[in-house]
């Protein structure tokens, strides 16, 4: 195989590193998406009229 020696330990380290990278990437992407949703929600609420804002607040309180 061209002098390449692939050991079981090397494969194990590669798999663990790959899984760690995958989990970390998903976690970071989820945080980024949550921040983006919060920012969009704040931006949409900034354009609300007073009447719309009060109606939304009443709806959120359940009354």
Protein backbone atom coordinates (compact mmCIF):
# COMPACT_ATOMS: atom_id res chain seq x y z
CA UNK A 1 0.00 0.00 0.00
CA UNK A 2 2.81 2.38 -0.74
CA UNK A 3 4.34 2.23 2.72
CA UNK A 4 1.28 3.73 4.47
CA UNK A 5 0.65 2.04 7.79
CA UNK A 6 -2.88 2.68 9.10
CA UNK A 7 -3.25 1.46 12.65
CA UNK A 8 -6.41 0.75 14.58
CA UNK A 9 -5.53 3.54 17.02
CA UNK A 10 -5.15 5.99 14.15
CA UNK A 11 -8.54 5.06 12.71
CA UNK A 12 -10.13 5.34 16.17
CA UNK A 13 -8.65 8.83 16.68
CA UNK A 14 -9.86 9.91 13.24
CA UNK A 15 -13.40 8.66 13.93
CA UNK A 16 -13.57 10.32 17.37
CA UNK A 17 -12.22 13.58 15.96
CA UNK A 18 -14.73 13.48 13.10
CA UNK A 19 -17.64 12.86 15.44
CA UNK A 20 -16.50 15.66 17.74
CA UNK A 21 -16.26 18.05 14.82
CA UNK A 22 -19.73 17.05 13.63
CA UNK A 23 -21.32 17.61 17.05
CA UNK A 24 -19.54 20.91 17.56
CA UNK A 25 -20.59 22.13 14.11
CA UNK A 26 -24.24 21.27 14.69
CA UNK A 27 -24.23 23.00 18.07
CA UNK A 28 -22.65 26.15 16.65
CA UNK A 29 -25.08 26.21 13.72
CA UNK A 30 -28.06 25.87 16.08
CA UNK A 31 -26.83 28.79 18.19
CA UNK A 32 -26.30 30.93 15.10
CA UNK A 33 -29.81 30.09 13.82
CA UNK A 34 -31.37 30.95 17.20
CA UNK A 35 -29.60 34.32 17.23
CA UNK A 36 -30.78 35.02 13.69
CA UNK A 37 -34.40 34.14 14.59
CA UNK A 38 -34.25 36.39 17.66
CA UNK A 39 -32.83 39.25 15.63
CA UNK A 40 -35.53 38.86 12.96
CA UNK A 41 -38.25 38.74 15.63
CA UNK A 42 -36.94 41.93 17.24
CA UNK A 43 -36.76 43.64 13.85
CA UNK A 44 -40.34 42.67 12.99
CA UNK A 45 -41.58 43.86 16.38
CA UNK A 46 -39.80 47.20 15.95
CA UNK A 47 -42.08 48.01 13.04
CA UNK A 48 -45.31 47.23 14.89
CA UNK A 49 -47.81 49.92 15.70
CA UNK A 50 -48.78 50.49 19.31
CA UNK A 51 -52.15 48.81 18.77
CA UNK A 52 -50.58 45.73 17.18
CA UNK A 53 -47.95 45.53 19.93
CA UNK A 54 -50.56 45.65 22.69
CA UNK A 55 -52.71 43.03 20.97
CA UNK A 56 -49.68 40.72 20.67
CA UNK A 57 -48.77 41.25 24.32
CA UNK A 58 -52.34 40.41 25.40
CA UNK A 59 -52.26 37.28 23.24
CA UNK A 60 -48.91 36.20 24.75
CA UNK A 61 -50.26 36.64 28.29
CA UNK A 62 -53.22 34.43 27.40
CA UNK A 63 -55.89 37.02 27.92
